[in-house]
Amino acid sequence: MKLNEVIISPILTEKSTSLSRKGVYLFEVNGDANKFQIKAVLEKIYPVKVEAINIGWRKGKIRRVGRKMKIKKLASKKIAFVKLKEGKIDVFPQI
């Protein structure tokens, strides 16, 4: 798997901002990526040392869309909780 295919995007929610104060960052990752690939990519992109990675699946929601209110299922996402040993990831832009 290529370097740019492993991590899709950082997750910026209220929960992720509160966890970032404790050194835990959330990323949406490729469904086929494993912990070792995620750790290698993060340490290559950012100047950090990763302590632990926990992975979970966020189940896709069911929505009713359109005039006839047809059912549409949104895709499931793989979420990685990355705890850092040292360093900091600047996910939030400074103004």
Protein backbone atom coordinates (compact mmCIF):
# COMPACT_ATOMS: atom_id res chain seq x y z
CA MET A 1 0.00 0.00 0.00
CA LYS A 2 1.35 3.44 -0.92
CA LEU A 3 2.17 6.13 1.61
CA ASN A 4 -0.71 8.41 0.61
CA GLU A 5 -3.30 5.61 0.59
CA VAL A 6 -3.03 4.64 4.27
CA ILE A 7 -4.25 7.81 6.02
CA ILE A 8 -7.27 9.46 4.42
CA SER A 9 -7.80 12.46 6.72
CA PRO A 10 -7.65 13.63 10.34
CA ILE A 11 -10.96 13.70 12.20
CA LEU A 12 -11.84 17.10 13.65
CA THR A 13 -14.70 16.74 16.11
CA GLU A 14 -15.34 17.84 19.68
CA LYS A 15 -14.21 14.44 20.95
CA SER A 16 -10.99 14.51 18.92
CA THR A 17 -10.07 18.01 20.11
CA SER A 18 -10.48 17.01 23.75
CA LEU A 19 -8.42 13.84 23.18
CA SER A 20 -5.65 15.80 21.44
CA ARG A 21 -4.88 17.55 24.74
CA LYS A 22 -4.00 14.11 26.13
CA GLY A 23 -1.81 13.24 23.14
CA VAL A 24 -4.37 11.08 21.30
CA TYR A 25 -5.22 11.94 17.68
CA LEU A 26 -7.97 10.49 15.47
CA PHE A 27 -7.50 9.64 11.79
CA GLU A 28 -9.72 8.11 9.16
CA VAL A 29 -7.67 5.34 7.55
CA ASN A 30 -7.98 2.92 4.67
CA GLY A 31 -10.06 -0.16 5.43
CA ASP A 32 -7.18 -2.48 4.50
CA ALA A 33 -4.51 -0.68 6.57
CA ASN A 34 -3.16 -2.31 9.72
CA LYS A 35 -1.54 -0.83 12.85
CA PHE A 36 2.02 -1.33 11.63
CA GLN A 37 1.38 0.51 8.35
CA ILE A 38 -0.35 3.40 10.14
CA LYS A 39 2.52 3.73 12.62
CA ALA A 40 5.15 3.69 9.86
CA VAL A 41 3.36 6.35 7.80
CA LEU A 42 2.75 8.68 10.76
CA GLU A 43 6.38 8.49 11.90
CA LYS A 44 7.53 9.16 8.33
CA ILE A 45 5.21 12.17 7.77
CA TYR A 46 5.37 13.82 11.21
CA PRO A 47 8.34 14.11 13.64
CA VAL A 48 6.67 11.96 16.34
CA LYS A 49 7.04 8.62 18.13
CA VAL A 50 3.86 6.55 18.29
CA GLU A 51 3.15 4.70 21.54
CA ALA A 52 -0.08 2.86 20.73
CA ILE A 53 -2.75 2.61 18.05
CA ASN A 54 -6.33 1.48 18.61
CA ILE A 55 -8.56 0.81 15.61
CA GLY A 56 -12.34 0.80 15.39
CA TRP A 57 -15.02 0.81 12.73
CA ARG A 58 -17.62 3.58 12.57
CA LYS A 59 -20.74 1.96 11.17
CA GLY A 60 -22.40 3.67 8.19
CA LYS A 61 -25.73 5.31 8.90
CA ILE A 62 -28.98 4.78 7.04
CA ARG A 63 -30.51 7.91 5.52
CA ARG A 64 -33.79 8.57 3.74
CA VAL A 65 -33.25 10.78 0.69
CA GLY A 66 -35.14 12.17 -2.26
CA ARG A 67 -38.77 12.85 -2.97
CA LYS A 68 -39.81 9.24 -2.47
CA MET A 69 -37.68 8.95 0.69
CA LYS A 70 -35.65 6.02 -0.57
CA ILE A 71 -33.21 4.41 1.84
CA LYS A 72 -29.52 5.12 1.29
CA LYS A 73 -26.75 3.58 3.39
CA LEU A 74 -23.62 5.65 3.99
CA ALA A 75 -20.26 3.89 3.93
CA SER A 76 -18.56 2.57 7.05
CA LYS A 77 -15.25 4.16 8.07
CA LYS A 78 -12.17 2.81 9.81
CA ILE A 79 -10.97 5.08 12.63
CA ALA A 80 -7.47 4.99 14.18
CA PHE A 81 -6.85 6.38 17.69
CA VAL A 82 -3.15 7.24 17.75
CA LYS A 83 -1.44 7.84 21.11
CA LEU A 84 1.91 9.62 20.92
CA LYS A 85 4.93 8.93 23.10
CA GLU A 86 6.69 12.14 22.10
CA GLY A 87 6.10 14.93 19.61
CA LYS A 88 2.99 16.73 18.48
CA ILE A 89 0.86 16.62 15.33
CA ASP A 90 -0.33 20.02 14.15
CA VAL A 91 -3.78 19.03 12.85
CA PHE A 92 -5.40 22.31 13.87
CA PRO A 93 -4.23 25.35 11.86
CA GLN A 94 -2.91 28.28 13.87
CA ILE A 95 -4.30 31.69 12.91
